[in-house]
Protein backbone atom coordinates (compact mmCIF):
# COMPACT_ATOMS: atom_id res chain seq x y z
CA MET A 1 15.30 -33.04 6.77
CA SER A 2 16.86 -29.92 8.22
CA GLY A 3 16.11 -26.57 6.47
CA HIS A 4 17.28 -23.08 6.68
CA THR A 5 15.82 -21.12 9.74
CA GLU A 6 17.65 -17.89 8.93
CA PRO A 7 17.17 -15.78 5.78
CA GLN A 8 19.84 -16.52 3.15
CA VAL A 9 21.13 -13.48 1.44
CA ILE A 10 22.24 -13.69 -2.18
CA LEU A 11 24.68 -11.02 -3.39
CA GLN A 12 25.00 -9.51 -6.85
CA ASP A 13 28.10 -7.41 -7.42
CA GLY A 14 28.95 -7.60 -3.77
CA LYS A 15 25.55 -6.13 -2.66
CA PRO A 16 22.47 -7.85 -1.26
CA ALA A 17 20.10 -8.61 -4.16
CA PHE A 18 17.75 -11.34 -2.81
CA ALA A 19 16.76 -12.80 0.51
CA VAL A 20 15.47 -16.39 0.70
CA ILE A 21 13.36 -16.89 3.87
CA PRO A 22 11.70 -19.99 5.32
CA TRP A 23 8.23 -20.64 3.91
CA ASP A 24 6.50 -20.16 7.28
CA LYS A 25 8.15 -16.76 7.70
CA TYR A 26 7.10 -15.84 4.21
CA GLN A 27 3.45 -16.86 5.00
CA GLU A 28 3.59 -14.85 8.28
CA LEU A 29 4.78 -11.72 6.33
CA ILE A 30 2.03 -12.11 3.80
CA GLN A 31 -0.61 -12.57 6.49
CA ASN A 32 0.62 -9.60 8.44
CA GLN A 33 0.57 -7.38 5.23
CA ARG A 34 -3.11 -8.35 4.63
CA GLU A 35 -3.99 -7.51 8.11
CA THR A 36 -2.65 -3.92 8.21
CA GLU A 37 -5.21 -1.30 7.39
CA GLU A 38 -2.78 0.61 5.11
CA SER A 39 -2.24 -2.31 2.84
CA ASP A 40 -5.91 -3.32 2.54
CA VAL A 41 -6.47 -1.13 -0.36
CA TRP A 42 -3.80 -0.57 -2.97
CA PHE A 43 -3.87 1.84 -6.03
CA PRO A 44 -1.18 2.18 -8.76
CA ASN A 45 -0.08 5.63 -9.62
CA GLU A 46 -1.88 5.47 -12.97
CA VAL A 47 -5.24 4.60 -11.37
CA VAL A 48 -4.82 7.50 -8.85
CA LYS A 49 -4.03 9.96 -11.66
CA ALA A 50 -7.02 8.96 -13.76
CA ASN A 51 -9.26 9.20 -10.73
CA VAL A 52 -7.97 12.65 -9.90
CA ARG A 53 -8.59 13.61 -13.65
CA GLY A 54 -12.29 12.82 -12.96
CA ASP A 55 -12.52 9.25 -14.19
CA SER A 56 -14.37 6.76 -12.06
CA LEU A 57 -12.27 4.13 -10.33
CA ILE A 58 -14.00 1.42 -12.45
CA LYS A 59 -12.91 3.16 -15.69
CA ALA A 60 -9.43 3.85 -14.24
CA TRP A 61 -8.80 0.29 -13.35
CA ARG A 62 -10.32 -1.09 -16.56
CA GLU A 63 -7.89 1.19 -18.49
CA TYR A 64 -5.02 0.22 -16.21
CA PHE A 65 -5.67 -3.46 -17.17
CA LYS A 66 -6.03 -2.43 -20.87
CA LEU A 67 -9.52 -3.87 -21.05
CA THR A 68 -12.31 -2.56 -23.34
CA GLN A 69 -15.66 -1.93 -21.92
CA GLN A 70 -16.88 -4.89 -23.88
CA GLU A 71 -14.29 -7.21 -22.52
CA LEU A 72 -14.81 -6.14 -18.89
CA ALA A 73 -18.55 -6.31 -19.18
CA GLU A 74 -18.37 -9.91 -20.39
CA LYS A 75 -15.97 -10.97 -17.75
CA ALA A 76 -18.32 -9.43 -15.13
CA GLY A 77 -21.53 -10.89 -16.69
CA MET A 78 -23.13 -7.56 -17.55
CA LYS A 79 -23.98 -5.47 -20.59
CA GLN A 80 -21.49 -3.00 -22.04
CA SER A 81 -24.10 -0.20 -21.85
CA ALA A 82 -24.63 -0.79 -18.10
CA LEU A 83 -20.80 -0.73 -17.47
CA ALA A 84 -20.57 2.62 -19.53
CA ARG A 85 -23.25 4.16 -17.23
CA LEU A 86 -21.28 3.07 -14.13
CA GLU A 87 -18.09 4.48 -15.49
CA ASN A 88 -19.68 7.79 -16.41
CA GLY A 89 -21.18 8.28 -12.94
CA ASN A 90 -24.67 8.19 -14.33
CA SER A 91 -25.72 5.57 -11.73
CA ARG A 92 -24.67 4.26 -8.45
CA PRO A 93 -23.65 0.60 -8.50
CA ARG A 94 -25.06 -1.92 -6.08
CA LYS A 95 -22.69 -3.87 -3.93
CA ALA A 96 -23.37 -7.08 -5.94
CA THR A 97 -22.45 -5.30 -9.16
CA LEU A 98 -19.12 -3.92 -7.60
CA LYS A 99 -18.32 -7.49 -6.48
CA LYS A 100 -18.76 -8.70 -10.03
CA ILE A 101 -16.63 -6.14 -11.49
CA ALA A 102 -13.98 -6.39 -8.76
CA LYS A 103 -13.78 -10.12 -9.29
CA ALA A 104 -13.59 -9.76 -13.07
CA MET A 105 -10.38 -7.58 -12.58
CA GLY A 106 -9.01 -9.44 -9.59
CA LEU A 107 -9.58 -6.55 -7.21
CA GLU A 108 -11.28 -5.94 -3.86
CA VAL A 109 -14.53 -4.14 -3.88
CA GLU A 110 -12.81 -1.36 -1.73
CA GLN A 111 -10.63 -0.60 -4.74
CA LEU A 112 -13.62 0.42 -6.73
CA ILE A 113 -15.38 2.73 -4.33
CA ASP A 114 -14.71 6.53 -4.83
């Protein structure tokens, strides 16, 4: 079976709209993206704004994902009151706690560290 080895460009209204690339090239692009320092930690604008306003990153991400404290606490296997203390900055979370919270939201731990 022979497959495409060059990108296929799909036009819409005469302008490039999509590019279809070989799977191995796609995997290479994804791997390279993960390896660059600048793309290791990503923050949406809404999370950055909330953090600048003074919200902890845990709270900013939770609100970004539209989760209640109770929902996130359950997903992370912790008490809601403990999560509230972390969000208010009343305590410093351990790395293991950050890992649980990050996993519950599908994030990297680095995305929760102020």
